[in-house]
Amino acid sequence: MEDITDAAFRSLCKEHGADVMFSEFIAADGIIRHVEKSLSKIHFTENERPFGIQVFGNNVNTLVEAVQVITRYKPDIIDLNFGCPVKKVVNKGGGAALLNNIPLMIQITEAVVKSTAIPVTVKTRLGWDQKTKNIVDVAERLQDAGIKALTIHARTKAQMYTGEADWTLLREVKNNHRMHIPIFGNGDINTPEKALDFKNKYGVDGIMIGRAALGNPWIFNRIKYFIHNNTHLKEAELSAKIQVCKEFIKHSVALNGTNKGLLKIRRHYSPFFSAIPHFKPYRLKLLTLNNVDEIMGVLDEIKNSFT
């Protein structure tokens, strides 16, 4: 969730029920070269705990050195990303590229675990493609390398974010008598019903929410409420959503500056207001305005028109 899960968005998710949060993923090379953009992603507040810093790369020494820097910030978790399928990451040998080099993945994991007292976790995928869905074996090897938890996105690298997530192999990982670390599932969870159904059906210890939280930070509390009560938490009123959106804008601008802050907010508008009929004219205004007061005015206009 690079360029999405910054402090402004994380604060919003935490307020609405997220239990554990992770940083945007950070290149190990950027950390050891003291690139400002990379180092800025490491920062988090005490209110965000428990908090994990997510790092990626393909060189053992570079990752160990980067983890030494990260350790000084005292996160609760250090998460190794072996799952990102984005071309620019994979072409440099990071993220899901390690699914094509399991020995290197394990070597990196072992070295990082030995280099820090902070718990190390991994996020990865089922395999590189349909022919190499080897997550049951890989999960064992990662556990043996010393990780404390594993999150599996139930797609292959080849699938990217398309097609249906296949959780059946997550059940095999959980049913493997050798596995004792927590297993978290990710992929296609966008409703409370799915969250409960998948948790029961596949036996995972927890669920990671990614894209489904865009414009919908309420999803965390809604899932938790449904799991515990088997009924739905009342959906937020439009006026409440608008107020949350306004606070989100203010936080994003304060964190990133006006231009970048408003740019980062744009991807959230459509899911924020997906229930509004004929939203397109308002969406166009929100996407083209570069003045905070004018955007707030459009949000007031939406509120007055639909509440």
C-alpha atoms as a PDB file:
ATOM      1  CA  MET A   1       0.000   0.000   0.000  1.00  0.00           C
ATOM      2  CA  GLU A   2       2.848   2.362  -0.881  1.00  0.00           C
ATOM      3  CA  ASP A   3       1.883   6.032  -0.887  1.00  0.00           C
ATOM      4  CA  ILE A   4      -1.416   5.139   0.810  1.00  0.00           C
ATOM      5  CA  THR A   5      -0.705   3.979   4.354  1.00  0.00           C
ATOM      6  CA  ASP A   6       1.006   7.150   5.535  1.00  0.00           C
ATOM      7  CA  ALA A   7       0.435   8.553   9.025  1.00  0.00           C
ATOM      8  CA  ALA A   8      -2.746  10.391   8.018  1.00  0.00           C
ATOM      9  CA  PHE A   9      -4.440   7.280   6.672  1.00  0.00           C
ATOM     10  CA  ARG A  10      -3.121   5.083   9.473  1.00  0.00           C
ATOM     11  CA  SER A  11      -4.528   7.483  12.061  1.00  0.00           C
ATOM     12  CA  LEU A  12      -7.924   7.213  10.393  1.00  0.00           C
ATOM     13  CA  CYS A  13      -7.814   3.411  10.358  1.00  0.00           C
ATOM     14  CA  LYS A  14      -6.669   3.245  13.981  1.00  0.00           C
ATOM     15  CA  GLU A  15      -9.523   5.501  15.055  1.00  0.00           C
ATOM     16  CA  HIS A  16     -11.975   3.134  13.381  1.00  0.00           C
ATOM     17  CA  GLY A  17     -10.757  -0.164  14.750  1.00  0.00           C
ATOM     18  CA  ALA A  18      -7.535  -1.314  13.082  1.00  0.00           C
ATOM     19  CA  ASP A  19      -5.668  -3.448  15.635  1.00  0.00           C
ATOM     20  CA  VAL A  20      -2.189  -3.575  14.101  1.00  0.00           C
ATOM     21  CA  MET A  21      -0.834  -1.307  11.396  1.00  0.00           C
ATOM     22  CA  PHE A  22       2.177  -1.307   9.113  1.00  0.00           C
ATOM     23  CA  SER A  23       4.176   1.419   7.447  1.00  0.00           C
ATOM     24  CA  GLU A  24       4.294   1.871   3.723  1.00  0.00           C
ATOM     25  CA  PHE A  25       6.884  -0.607   2.490  1.00  0.00           C
ATOM     26  CA  ILE A  26      10.379   0.868   2.423  1.00  0.00           C
ATOM     27  CA  ALA A  27      13.344  -0.023   0.232  1.00  0.00           C
ATOM     28  CA  ALA A  28      16.297  -1.244   2.279  1.00  0.00           C
ATOM     29  CA  ASP A  29      18.631   0.530  -0.168  1.00  0.00           C
ATOM     30  CA  GLY A  30      16.888   3.830   0.532  1.00  0.00           C
ATOM     31  CA  ILE A  31      17.288   3.380   4.277  1.00  0.00           C
ATOM     32  CA  ILE A  32      21.019   2.674   4.246  1.00  0.00           C
ATOM     33  CA  ARG A  33      21.628   5.499   1.761  1.00  0.00           C
ATOM     34  CA  HIS A  34      19.689   7.845   4.068  1.00  0.00           C
ATOM     35  CA  VAL A  35      17.220   8.829   1.359  1.00  0.00           C
ATOM     36  CA  GLU A  36      14.874  11.339   2.992  1.00  0.00           C
ATOM     37  CA  LYS A  37      11.702   9.833   1.501  1.00  0.00           C
ATOM     38  CA  SER A  38      12.627   6.376   2.788  1.00  0.00           C
ATOM     39  CA  LEU A  39      13.591   7.531   6.272  1.00  0.00           C
ATOM     40  CA  SER A  40      10.426   9.631   6.593  1.00  0.00           C
ATOM     41  CA  LYS A  41       8.327   6.462   6.175  1.00  0.00           C
ATOM     42  CA  ILE A  42       9.887   4.933   9.291  1.00  0.00           C
ATOM     43  CA  HIS A  43       8.439   7.559  11.626  1.00  0.00           C
ATOM     44  CA  PHE A  44       5.329   6.694  13.621  1.00  0.00           C
ATOM     45  CA  THR A  45       3.627   7.869  16.804  1.00  0.00           C
ATOM     46  CA  GLU A  46       3.049   6.036  20.072  1.00  0.00           C
ATOM     47  CA  ASN A  47      -0.696   6.135  19.364  1.00  0.00           C
ATOM     48  CA  GLU A  48      -0.144   3.878  16.358  1.00  0.00           C
ATOM     49  CA  ARG A  49       1.210   0.946  18.366  1.00  0.00           C
ATOM     50  CA  PRO A  50       1.309  -1.972  17.913  1.00  0.00           C
ATOM     51  CA  PHE A  51       3.119  -0.924  14.760  1.00  0.00           C
ATOM     52  CA  GLY A  52       5.195  -2.720  12.153  1.00  0.00           C
ATOM     53  CA  ILE A  53       7.763  -1.273   9.776  1.00  0.00           C
ATOM     54  CA  GLN A  54       7.736  -3.054   6.437  1.00  0.00           C
ATOM     55  CA  VAL A  55      10.949  -3.328   4.431  1.00  0.00           C
ATOM     56  CA  PHE A  56      11.950  -4.970   1.157  1.00  0.00           C
ATOM     57  CA  GLY A  57      15.085  -5.739  -0.821  1.00  0.00           C
ATOM     58  CA  ASN A  58      17.108  -8.630  -2.229  1.00  0.00           C
ATOM     59  CA  ASN A  59      20.527  -8.311  -0.621  1.00  0.00           C
ATOM     60  CA  VAL A  60      21.236  -9.943   2.726  1.00  0.00           C
ATOM     61  CA  ASN A  61      23.767  -7.397   3.961  1.00  0.00           C
ATOM     62  CA  THR A  62      21.701  -4.439   2.818  1.00  0.00           C
ATOM     63  CA  LEU A  63      18.597  -5.708   4.596  1.00  0.00           C
ATOM     64  CA  VAL A  64      20.499  -6.468   7.793  1.00  0.00           C
ATOM     65  CA  GLU A  65      22.003  -2.979   7.761  1.00  0.00           C
ATOM     66  CA  ALA A  66      18.592  -1.421   7.075  1.00  0.00           C
ATOM     67  CA  VAL A  67      17.056  -3.383   9.942  1.00  0.00           C
ATOM     68  CA  GLN A  68      19.720  -2.012  12.283  1.00  0.00           C
ATOM     69  CA  VAL A  69      18.505   1.482  11.395  1.00  0.00           C
ATOM     70  CA  ILE A  70      14.856   0.481  11.793  1.00  0.00           C
ATOM     71  CA  THR A  71      15.550  -1.140  15.160  1.00  0.00           C
ATOM     72  CA  ARG A  72      16.617   2.223  16.579  1.00  0.00           C
ATOM     73  CA  TYR A  73      13.049   3.471  16.038  1.00  0.00           C
ATOM     74  CA  LYS A  74      11.725   0.627  18.241  1.00  0.00           C
ATOM     75  CA  PRO A  75       8.729  -0.592  16.231  1.00  0.00           C
ATOM     76  CA  ASP A  76       6.796  -3.558  17.605  1.00  0.00           C
ATOM     77  CA  ILE A  77       7.335  -5.591  14.427  1.00  0.00           C
ATOM     78  CA  ILE A  78       9.714  -5.675  11.479  1.00  0.00           C
ATOM     79  CA  ASP A  79       7.922  -7.073   8.431  1.00  0.00           C
ATOM     80  CA  LEU A  80       9.756  -8.453   5.401  1.00  0.00           C
ATOM     81  CA  ASN A  81       7.803  -7.952   2.189  1.00  0.00           C
ATOM     82  CA  PHE A  82       8.230 -10.907  -0.180  1.00  0.00           C
ATOM     83  CA  GLY A  83       4.890 -10.352  -1.871  1.00  0.00           C
ATOM     84  CA  CYS A  84       4.688  -7.031  -3.712  1.00  0.00           C
ATOM     85  CA  PRO A  85       4.044  -7.853  -7.408  1.00  0.00           C
ATOM     86  CA  VAL A  86       4.588  -4.336  -8.802  1.00  0.00           C
ATOM     87  CA  LYS A  87       6.873  -4.362 -11.841  1.00  0.00           C
ATOM     88  CA  LYS A  88       9.339  -1.704 -10.670  1.00  0.00           C
ATOM     89  CA  VAL A  89       9.887  -3.618  -7.404  1.00  0.00           C
ATOM     90  CA  VAL A  90      10.084  -7.104  -8.937  1.00  0.00           C
ATOM     91  CA  ASN A  91      12.440  -5.987 -11.723  1.00  0.00           C
ATOM     92  CA  LYS A  92      14.923  -4.899  -9.044  1.00  0.00           C
ATOM     93  CA  GLY A  93      14.699  -8.279  -7.349  1.00  0.00           C
ATOM     94  CA  GLY A  94      12.507  -7.184  -4.436  1.00  0.00           C
ATOM     95  CA  GLY A  95       9.048  -8.095  -3.199  1.00  0.00           C
ATOM     96  CA  ALA A  96       7.523 -11.064  -5.022  1.00  0.00           C
ATOM     97  CA  ALA A  97      10.730 -11.585  -7.032  1.00  0.00           C
ATOM     98  CA  LEU A  98      11.978 -13.624  -4.052  1.00  0.00           C
ATOM     99  CA  LEU A  99       9.263 -16.186  -4.836  1.00  0.00           C
ATOM    100  CA  ASN A 100      11.575 -17.193  -7.686  1.00  0.00           C
ATOM    101  CA  ASN A 101      14.508 -17.568  -5.295  1.00  0.00           C
ATOM    102  CA  ILE A 102      13.295 -19.274  -2.127  1.00  0.00           C
ATOM    103  CA  PRO A 103      16.837 -20.034  -0.859  1.00  0.00           C
ATOM    104  CA  LEU A 104      17.652 -16.303  -0.926  1.00  0.00           C
ATOM    105  CA  MET A 105      14.319 -15.508   0.749  1.00  0.00           C
ATOM    106  CA  ILE A 106      15.192 -17.873   3.592  1.00  0.00           C
ATOM    107  CA  GLN A 107      18.776 -16.592   3.801  1.00  0.00           C
ATOM    108  CA  ILE A 108      17.540 -13.005   4.129  1.00  0.00           C
ATOM    109  CA  THR A 109      14.969 -14.000   6.733  1.00  0.00           C
ATOM    110  CA  GLU A 110      17.467 -15.922   8.873  1.00  0.00           C
ATOM    111  CA  ALA A 111      19.979 -13.063   8.772  1.00  0.00           C
ATOM    112  CA  VAL A 112      17.394 -10.418   9.665  1.00  0.00           C
ATOM    113  CA  VAL A 113      15.962 -12.489  12.528  1.00  0.00           C
ATOM    114  CA  LYS A 114      19.451 -12.932  13.984  1.00  0.00           C
ATOM    115  CA  SER A 115      20.235  -9.223  13.645  1.00  0.00           C
ATOM    116  CA  THR A 116      17.424  -7.819  15.820  1.00  0.00           C
ATOM    117  CA  ALA A 117      15.548  -8.554  19.025  1.00  0.00           C
ATOM    118  CA  ILE A 118      12.349  -7.139  17.511  1.00  0.00           C
ATOM    119  CA  PRO A 119       9.893  -9.809  16.266  1.00  0.00           C
ATOM    120  CA  VAL A 120      10.206 -10.378  12.509  1.00  0.00           C
ATOM    121  CA  THR A 121       7.214 -11.274  10.350  1.00  0.00           C
ATOM    122  CA  VAL A 122       6.806 -11.950   6.628  1.00  0.00           C
ATOM    123  CA  LYS A 123       4.193 -11.110   4.040  1.00  0.00           C
ATOM    124  CA  THR A 124       4.234 -13.138   0.843  1.00  0.00           C
ATOM    125  CA  ARG A 125       2.011 -14.844  -1.751  1.00  0.00           C
ATOM    126  CA  LEU A 126       1.006 -18.374  -2.748  1.00  0.00           C
ATOM    127  CA  GLY A 127       3.834 -18.567  -5.278  1.00  0.00           C
ATOM    128  CA  TRP A 128       5.141 -16.970  -8.462  1.00  0.00           C
ATOM    129  CA  ASP A 129       2.441 -18.424 -10.726  1.00  0.00           C
ATOM    130  CA  GLN A 130      -0.130 -21.210 -10.942  1.00  0.00           C
ATOM    131  CA  LYS A 131       2.607 -23.832 -11.419  1.00  0.00           C
ATOM    132  CA  THR A 132       4.660 -22.774  -8.402  1.00  0.00           C
ATOM    133  CA  LYS A 133       2.144 -22.426  -5.568  1.00  0.00           C
ATOM    134  CA  ASN A 134       4.573 -23.704  -2.941  1.00  0.00           C
ATOM    135  CA  ILE A 135       3.437 -21.713   0.085  1.00  0.00           C
ATOM    136  CA  VAL A 136       2.923 -24.779   2.325  1.00  0.00           C
ATOM    137  CA  ASP A 137       6.615 -25.650   2.106  1.00  0.00           C
ATOM    138  CA  VAL A 138       7.760 -22.024   2.121  1.00  0.00           C
ATOM    139  CA  ALA A 139       5.715 -21.275   5.245  1.00  0.00           C
ATOM    140  CA  GLU A 140       7.504 -24.101   7.107  1.00  0.00           C
ATOM    141  CA  ARG A 141      10.907 -22.844   6.010  1.00  0.00           C
ATOM    142  CA  LEU A 142      10.115 -19.263   7.008  1.00  0.00           C
ATOM    143  CA  GLN A 143       8.946 -20.467  10.408  1.00  0.00           C
ATOM    144  CA  ASP A 144      12.174 -22.453  10.799  1.00  0.00           C
ATOM    145  CA  ALA A 145      14.086 -19.276   9.901  1.00  0.00           C
ATOM    146  CA  GLY A 146      12.611 -17.660  13.015  1.00  0.00           C
ATOM    147  CA  ILE A 147       9.685 -15.481  11.988  1.00  0.00           C
ATOM    148  CA  LYS A 148       6.923 -14.914  14.548  1.00  0.00           C
ATOM    149  CA  ALA A 149       3.958 -14.648  12.153  1.00  0.00           C
ATOM    150  CA  LEU A 150       3.181 -14.990   8.456  1.00  0.00           C
ATOM    151  CA  THR A 151       0.692 -13.115   6.297  1.00  0.00           C
ATOM    152  CA  ILE A 152      -0.266 -14.762   3.012  1.00  0.00           C
ATOM    153  CA  HIS A 153      -1.925 -12.886   0.177  1.00  0.00           C
ATOM    154  CA  ALA A 154      -4.022 -15.615  -1.440  1.00  0.00           C
ATOM    155  CA  ARG A 155      -2.897 -14.871  -4.985  1.00  0.00           C
ATOM    156  CA  THR A 156       0.223 -15.603  -7.025  1.00  0.00           C
ATOM    157  CA  LYS A 157       2.570 -12.906  -8.260  1.00  0.00           C
ATOM    158  CA  ALA A 158       1.303 -13.529 -11.796  1.00  0.00           C
ATOM    159  CA  GLN A 159      -2.239 -12.689 -10.718  1.00  0.00           C
ATOM    160  CA  MET A 160      -1.171  -9.310  -9.347  1.00  0.00           C
ATOM    161  CA  TYR A 161      -4.484  -8.083  -7.845  1.00  0.00           C
ATOM    162  CA  THR A 162      -6.765  -9.687 -10.432  1.00  0.00           C
ATOM    163  CA  GLY A 163      -8.867 -12.814 -10.380  1.00  0.00           C
ATOM    164  CA  GLU A 164     -10.256 -14.460  -7.309  1.00  0.00           C
ATOM    165  CA  ALA A 165      -8.072 -15.018  -4.258  1.00  0.00           C
ATOM    166  CA  ASP A 166      -7.592 -18.738  -3.482  1.00  0.00           C
ATOM    167  CA  TRP A 167      -7.542 -19.306   0.272  1.00  0.00           C
ATOM    168  CA  THR A 168      -7.496 -23.106   0.144  1.00  0.00           C
ATOM    169  CA  LEU A 169      -3.714 -23.249   0.526  1.00  0.00           C
ATOM    170  CA  LEU A 170      -3.952 -21.039   3.620  1.00  0.00           C
ATOM    171  CA  ARG A 171      -6.046 -23.787   5.179  1.00  0.00           C
ATOM    172  CA  GLU A 172      -3.318 -26.296   4.260  1.00  0.00           C
ATOM    173  CA  VAL A 173      -0.725 -24.097   5.933  1.00  0.00           C
ATOM    174  CA  LYS A 174      -2.857 -23.875   9.083  1.00  0.00           C
ATOM    175  CA  ASN A 175      -3.550 -27.626   9.070  1.00  0.00           C
ATOM    176  CA  ASN A 176       0.130 -28.470   8.760  1.00  0.00           C
ATOM    177  CA  HIS A 177       0.958 -30.045  12.143  1.00  0.00           C
ATOM    178  CA  ARG A 178       4.445 -28.534  12.034  1.00  0.00           C
ATOM    179  CA  MET A 179       3.158 -24.967  11.942  1.00  0.00           C
ATOM    180  CA  HIS A 180       2.776 -23.144  15.238  1.00  0.00           C
ATOM    181  CA  ILE A 181       3.113 -19.445  14.372  1.00  0.00           C
ATOM    182  CA  PRO A 182       0.029 -17.278  13.659  1.00  0.00           C
ATOM    183  CA  ILE A 183      -1.106 -17.223  10.034  1.00  0.00           C
ATOM    184  CA  PHE A 184      -2.932 -14.180   8.693  1.00  0.00           C
ATOM    185  CA  GLY A 185      -4.930 -14.147   5.480  1.00  0.00           C
ATOM    186  CA  ASN A 186      -5.192 -11.350   2.931  1.00  0.00           C
ATOM    187  CA  GLY A 187      -7.084 -10.962  -0.313  1.00  0.00           C
ATOM    188  CA  ASP A 188     -10.697 -10.168  -1.287  1.00  0.00           C
ATOM    189  CA  ILE A 189     -11.912  -9.408   2.248  1.00  0.00           C
ATOM    190  CA  ASN A 190     -14.183  -6.415   1.711  1.00  0.00           C
ATOM    191  CA  THR A 191     -17.253  -7.180   3.837  1.00  0.00           C
ATOM    192  CA  PRO A 192     -17.873  -8.326   7.421  1.00  0.00           C
ATOM    193  CA  GLU A 193     -19.594 -11.470   6.109  1.00  0.00           C
ATOM    194  CA  LYS A 194     -16.553 -12.468   4.080  1.00  0.00           C
ATOM    195  CA  ALA A 195     -14.238 -11.814   7.005  1.00  0.00           C
ATOM    196  CA  LEU A 196     -16.171 -14.134   9.306  1.00  0.00           C
ATOM    197  CA  ASP A 197     -16.764 -16.760   6.630  1.00  0.00           C
ATOM    198  CA  PHE A 198     -13.108 -16.892   5.573  1.00  0.00           C
ATOM    199  CA  LYS A 199     -11.871 -16.955   9.153  1.00  0.00           C
ATOM    200  CA  ASN A 200     -14.137 -19.897   9.969  1.00  0.00           C
ATOM    201  CA  LYS A 201     -13.646 -21.737   6.701  1.00  0.00           C
ATOM    202  CA  TYR A 202      -9.872 -21.465   6.452  1.00  0.00           C
ATOM    203  CA  GLY A 203      -8.907 -21.285  10.130  1.00  0.00           C
ATOM    204  CA  VAL A 204      -6.579 -18.297   9.901  1.00  0.00           C
ATOM    205  CA  ASP A 205      -5.602 -16.511  13.104  1.00  0.00           C
ATOM    206  CA  GLY A 206      -6.494 -13.100  11.728  1.00  0.00           C
ATOM    207  CA  ILE A 207      -7.186 -11.071   8.628  1.00  0.00           C
ATOM    208  CA  MET A 208      -5.197  -8.302   6.984  1.00  0.00           C
ATOM    209  CA  ILE A 209      -7.161  -5.598   5.199  1.00  0.00           C
ATOM    210  CA  GLY A 210      -5.537  -3.617   2.408  1.00  0.00           C
ATOM    211  CA  ARG A 211      -7.331  -2.059  -0.558  1.00  0.00           C
ATOM    212  CA  ALA A 212     -10.766  -2.549   1.037  1.00  0.00           C
ATOM    213  CA  ALA A 213      -9.902   0.171   3.561  1.00  0.00           C
ATOM    214  CA  LEU A 214      -9.512   2.871   0.882  1.00  0.00           C
ATOM    215  CA  GLY A 215     -12.212   5.403   1.587  1.00  0.00           C
ATOM    216  CA  ASN A 216     -13.673   2.916   4.049  1.00  0.00           C
ATOM    217  CA  PRO A 217     -11.831   3.041   7.398  1.00  0.00           C
ATOM    218  CA  TRP A 218     -15.057   1.873   9.069  1.00  0.00           C
ATOM    219  CA  ILE A 219     -14.455  -1.640   7.730  1.00  0.00           C
ATOM    220  CA  PHE A 220     -12.332  -2.616  10.757  1.00  0.00           C
ATOM    221  CA  ASN A 221     -14.952  -1.859  13.400  1.00  0.00           C
ATOM    222  CA  ARG A 222     -17.690  -3.264  11.194  1.00  0.00           C
ATOM    223  CA  ILE A 223     -15.862  -6.583  10.823  1.00  0.00           C
ATOM    224  CA  LYS A 224     -15.081  -6.834  14.531  1.00  0.00           C
ATOM    225  CA  TYR A 225     -18.661  -5.996  15.485  1.00  0.00           C
ATOM    226  CA  PHE A 226     -20.066  -8.584  13.067  1.00  0.00           C
ATOM    227  CA  ILE A 227     -17.708 -11.317  14.307  1.00  0.00           C
ATOM    228  CA  HIS A 228     -18.673 -10.710  17.925  1.00  0.00           C
ATOM    229  CA  ASN A 229     -22.396  -9.999  17.475  1.00  0.00           C
ATOM    230  CA  ASN A 230     -23.362 -11.712  14.208  1.00  0.00           C
ATOM    231  CA  THR A 231     -25.177  -8.550  13.195  1.00  0.00           C
ATOM    232  CA  HIS A 232     -24.140  -5.398  11.421  1.00  0.00           C
ATOM    233  CA  LEU A 233     -22.871  -2.243  13.041  1.00  0.00           C
ATOM    234  CA  LYS A 234     -24.984   0.661  11.848  1.00  0.00           C
ATOM    235  CA  GLU A 235     -23.306   2.320   8.881  1.00  0.00           C
ATOM    236  CA  ALA A 236     -22.002   5.847   9.390  1.00  0.00           C
ATOM    237  CA  GLU A 237     -24.334   8.628   8.284  1.00  0.00           C
ATOM    238  CA  LEU A 238     -23.242  10.713   5.302  1.00  0.00           C
ATOM    239  CA  SER A 239     -22.701  13.748   7.541  1.00  0.00           C
ATOM    240  CA  ALA A 240     -20.323  11.685   9.707  1.00  0.00           C
ATOM    241  CA  LYS A 241     -18.455  10.444   6.635  1.00  0.00           C
ATOM    242  CA  ILE A 242     -18.044  14.006   5.407  1.00  0.00           C
ATOM    243  CA  GLN A 243     -16.683  15.106   8.765  1.00  0.00           C
ATOM    244  CA  VAL A 244     -14.196  12.212   8.756  1.00  0.00           C
ATOM    245  CA  CYS A 245     -13.189  13.114   5.201  1.00  0.00           C
ATOM    246  CA  LYS A 246     -12.584  16.726   6.243  1.00  0.00           C
ATOM    247  CA  GLU A 247     -10.371  15.669   9.155  1.00  0.00           C
ATOM    248  CA  PHE A 248      -8.511  13.295   6.848  1.00  0.00           C
ATOM    249  CA  ILE A 249      -7.834  16.128   4.396  1.00  0.00           C
ATOM    250  CA  LYS A 250      -6.554  18.416   7.160  1.00  0.00           C
ATOM    251  CA  HIS A 251      -4.243  15.710   8.505  1.00  0.00           C
ATOM    252  CA  SER A 252      -2.933  14.807   5.059  1.00  0.00           C
ATOM    253  CA  VAL A 253      -2.202  18.446   4.209  1.00  0.00           C
ATOM    254  CA  ALA A 254      -0.515  19.044   7.565  1.00  0.00           C
ATOM    255  CA  LEU A 255       1.652  15.964   7.032  1.00  0.00           C
ATOM    256  CA  ASN A 256       2.470  16.302   3.335  1.00  0.00           C
ATOM    257  CA  GLY A 257       1.880  19.934   2.376  1.00  0.00           C
ATOM    258  CA  THR A 258      -1.082  21.216   0.385  1.00  0.00           C
ATOM    259  CA  ASN A 259      -0.289  19.901  -3.101  1.00  0.00           C
ATOM    260  CA  LYS A 260       0.918  16.443  -2.132  1.00  0.00           C
ATOM    261  CA  GLY A 261      -1.601  16.129   0.694  1.00  0.00           C
ATOM    262  CA  LEU A 262      -4.569  16.782  -1.602  1.00  0.00           C
ATOM    263  CA  LEU A 263      -3.114  14.535  -4.298  1.00  0.00           C
ATOM    264  CA  LYS A 264      -2.860  11.615  -1.870  1.00  0.00           C
ATOM    265  CA  ILE A 265      -6.495  12.100  -0.801  1.00  0.00           C
ATOM    266  CA  ARG A 266      -7.915  11.884  -4.313  1.00  0.00           C
ATOM    267  CA  ARG A 267      -7.959   8.095  -4.559  1.00  0.00           C
ATOM    268  CA  HIS A 268     -10.234   7.965  -1.493  1.00  0.00           C
ATOM    269  CA  TYR A 269     -13.090  10.176  -2.725  1.00  0.00           C
ATOM    270  CA  SER A 270     -14.957   7.622  -4.841  1.00  0.00           C
ATOM    271  CA  PRO A 271     -15.050   4.862  -2.191  1.00  0.00           C
ATOM    272  CA  PHE A 272     -15.824   7.414   0.537  1.00  0.00           C
ATOM    273  CA  PHE A 273     -18.979   8.464  -1.276  1.00  0.00           C
ATOM    274  CA  SER A 274     -19.818   5.333  -3.277  1.00  0.00           C
ATOM    275  CA  ALA A 275     -23.406   5.301  -1.975  1.00  0.00           C
ATOM    276  CA  ILE A 276     -24.218   8.751  -3.388  1.00  0.00           C
ATOM    277  CA  PRO A 277     -26.132   8.661  -6.687  1.00  0.00           C
ATOM    278  CA  HIS A 278     -24.858  10.858  -9.512  1.00  0.00           C
ATOM    279  CA  PHE A 279     -21.616  11.573  -7.657  1.00  0.00           C
ATOM    280  CA  LYS A 280     -19.560  12.181 -10.820  1.00  0.00           C
ATOM    281  CA  PRO A 281     -19.962  16.010 -10.965  1.00  0.00           C
ATOM    282  CA  TYR A 282     -18.845  16.325  -7.336  1.00  0.00           C
ATOM    283  CA  ARG A 283     -16.010  13.875  -7.911  1.00  0.00           C
ATOM    284  CA  LEU A 284     -14.700  15.951 -10.812  1.00  0.00           C
ATOM    285  CA  LYS A 285     -14.664  19.037  -8.611  1.00  0.00           C
ATOM    286  CA  LEU A 286     -12.856  17.232  -5.809  1.00  0.00           C
ATOM    287  CA  LEU A 287     -10.262  15.851  -8.228  1.00  0.00           C
ATOM    288  CA  THR A 288      -9.518  19.157  -9.922  1.00  0.00           C
ATOM    289  CA  LEU A 289      -9.561  21.659  -7.059  1.00  0.00           C
ATOM    290  CA  ASN A 290      -6.245  22.462  -5.369  1.00  0.00           C
ATOM    291  CA  ASN A 291      -7.525  24.718  -2.628  1.00  0.00           C
ATOM    292  CA  VAL A 292      -8.470  23.246   0.743  1.00  0.00           C
ATOM    293  CA  ASP A 293     -11.242  25.756   1.452  1.00  0.00           C
ATOM    294  CA  GLU A 294     -12.831  25.156  -1.946  1.00  0.00           C
ATOM    295  CA  ILE A 295     -12.746  21.391  -1.418  1.00  0.00           C
ATOM    296  CA  MET A 296     -14.341  21.822   2.003  1.00  0.00           C
ATOM    297  CA  GLY A 297     -17.022  23.859   0.266  1.00  0.00           C
ATOM    298  CA  VAL A 298     -17.732  21.009  -2.166  1.00  0.00           C
ATOM    299  CA  LEU A 299     -18.032  18.606   0.770  1.00  0.00           C
ATOM    300  CA  ASP A 300     -20.531  20.971   2.391  1.00  0.00           C
ATOM    301  CA  GLU A 301     -22.412  21.083  -0.881  1.00  0.00           C
ATOM    302  CA  ILE A 302     -22.600  17.272  -0.914  1.00  0.00           C
ATOM    303  CA  LYS A 303     -23.819  17.287   2.687  1.00  0.00           C
ATOM    304  CA  ASN A 304     -26.543  19.832   1.978  1.00  0.00           C
ATOM    305  CA  SER A 305     -27.675  18.007  -1.156  1.00  0.00           C
ATOM    306  CA  PHE A 306     -27.938  14.495   0.249  1.00  0.00           C
ATOM    307  CA  THR A 307     -28.720  14.808   3.957  1.00  0.00           C
END
